[in-house]
Amino acid sequence: LSLISWLVYLYFSGFFRRRTIYGVANPPGPGPETSLLVSDIQNSTLLWESLPSQVMDKALQVHNEIMRHALAEHAGYESATEGDSFILAF
């Protein structure tokens, strides 16, 4: 019974929305229900120049983990990354 309850919860929470059987998100199609997110860390070039590289490496690692966690939680699709920026679709 708990497995069925869990599957019903996942279904209604949108977990299966645009996901393959392996849990990977498929890109959303064009239309009014699709949103794009383009992110960039403000003043990152200045931060890289003024802070030790180990600090910025760790900050970038934490940033990427947070972005990818939110992406997975909301069935988003990672289109591209470059440096500290992401292009995501939901």
Protein backbone atom coordinates (compact mmCIF):
# COMPACT_ATOMS: atom_id res chain seq x y z
CA LEU A 1 0.00 0.00 0.00
CA SER A 2 2.81 2.43 0.80
CA LEU A 3 4.41 1.83 -2.61
CA ILE A 4 1.15 2.66 -4.36
CA SER A 5 0.74 5.78 -2.20
CA TRP A 6 4.29 6.84 -3.05
CA LEU A 7 3.72 6.36 -6.80
CA VAL A 8 0.47 8.33 -6.63
CA TYR A 9 2.29 11.11 -4.80
CA LEU A 10 5.09 11.16 -7.38
CA TYR A 11 2.58 11.23 -10.22
CA PHE A 12 0.62 14.18 -8.84
CA SER A 13 3.73 16.06 -7.77
CA GLY A 14 4.86 16.16 -11.41
CA PHE A 15 7.83 13.85 -10.91
CA PHE A 16 7.06 11.85 -14.05
CA ARG A 17 6.42 14.96 -16.12
CA ARG A 18 8.84 14.95 -19.07
CA ARG A 19 11.00 12.17 -17.57
CA THR A 20 12.27 9.03 -19.20
CA ILE A 21 12.05 5.68 -17.45
CA TYR A 22 15.59 6.34 -16.18
CA GLY A 23 14.53 9.57 -14.41
CA VAL A 24 16.28 11.86 -16.88
CA ALA A 25 14.30 14.93 -17.91
CA ASN A 26 13.37 15.32 -21.55
CA PRO A 27 13.48 18.81 -23.04
CA PRO A 28 10.12 20.56 -22.89
CA GLY A 29 8.44 21.42 -26.15
CA PRO A 30 7.81 24.95 -27.36
CA GLY A 31 4.73 26.68 -26.08
CA PRO A 32 3.26 28.91 -23.40
CA GLU A 33 3.86 26.29 -20.68
CA THR A 34 7.65 26.33 -21.21
CA SER A 35 9.93 28.67 -19.27
CA LEU A 36 13.63 29.33 -19.87
CA LEU A 37 16.06 30.32 -17.15
CA VAL A 38 19.46 31.81 -17.92
CA SER A 39 21.65 32.30 -14.85
CA ASP A 40 24.98 33.95 -14.27
CA ILE A 41 26.91 34.77 -11.09
CA GLN A 42 27.09 38.54 -10.79
CA ASN A 43 30.65 39.93 -10.93
CA SER A 44 32.17 36.46 -11.15
CA THR A 45 35.18 37.70 -13.13
CA LEU A 46 35.97 40.22 -10.38
CA LEU A 47 35.48 37.50 -7.75
CA TRP A 48 37.85 35.14 -9.58
CA GLU A 49 40.46 37.93 -9.72
CA SER A 50 40.12 38.99 -6.08
CA LEU A 51 39.54 35.71 -4.20
CA PRO A 52 41.77 32.64 -3.94
CA SER A 53 40.98 30.10 -6.66
CA GLN A 54 40.20 27.42 -4.05
CA VAL A 55 37.42 29.63 -2.63
CA MET A 56 35.89 30.26 -6.05
CA ASP A 57 36.21 26.59 -7.04
CA LYS A 58 34.25 25.63 -3.92
CA ALA A 59 31.69 28.40 -4.46
CA LEU A 60 31.15 27.27 -8.04
CA GLN A 61 30.80 23.65 -6.92
CA VAL A 62 28.14 24.63 -4.36
CA HIS A 63 26.37 26.83 -6.93
CA ASN A 64 26.24 23.99 -9.45
CA GLU A 65 24.96 21.51 -6.85
CA ILE A 66 22.16 23.89 -5.83
CA MET A 67 21.18 24.56 -9.45
CA ARG A 68 21.14 20.87 -10.37
CA HIS A 69 19.21 19.94 -7.23
CA ALA A 70 16.52 22.52 -8.05
CA LEU A 71 16.55 21.33 -11.65
CA ALA A 72 15.90 17.73 -10.66
CA GLU A 73 13.31 18.68 -8.05
CA HIS A 74 11.25 20.62 -10.60
CA ALA A 75 11.69 18.26 -13.59
CA GLY A 76 13.77 20.81 -15.46
CA TYR A 77 16.09 20.28 -18.40
CA GLU A 78 19.71 21.47 -18.50
CA SER A 79 20.29 22.78 -21.98
CA ALA A 80 23.81 24.15 -21.50
CA THR A 81 26.39 25.38 -19.00
CA GLU A 82 29.33 27.64 -19.61
CA GLY A 83 31.56 28.71 -16.75
CA ASP A 84 29.18 29.81 -14.00
CA SER A 85 26.07 30.20 -16.16
CA PHE A 86 23.25 27.76 -16.84
CA ILE A 87 20.56 27.60 -19.50
CA LEU A 88 17.62 25.63 -18.12
CA ALA A 89 14.14 24.85 -19.40
CA PHE A 90 11.04 23.95 -17.40
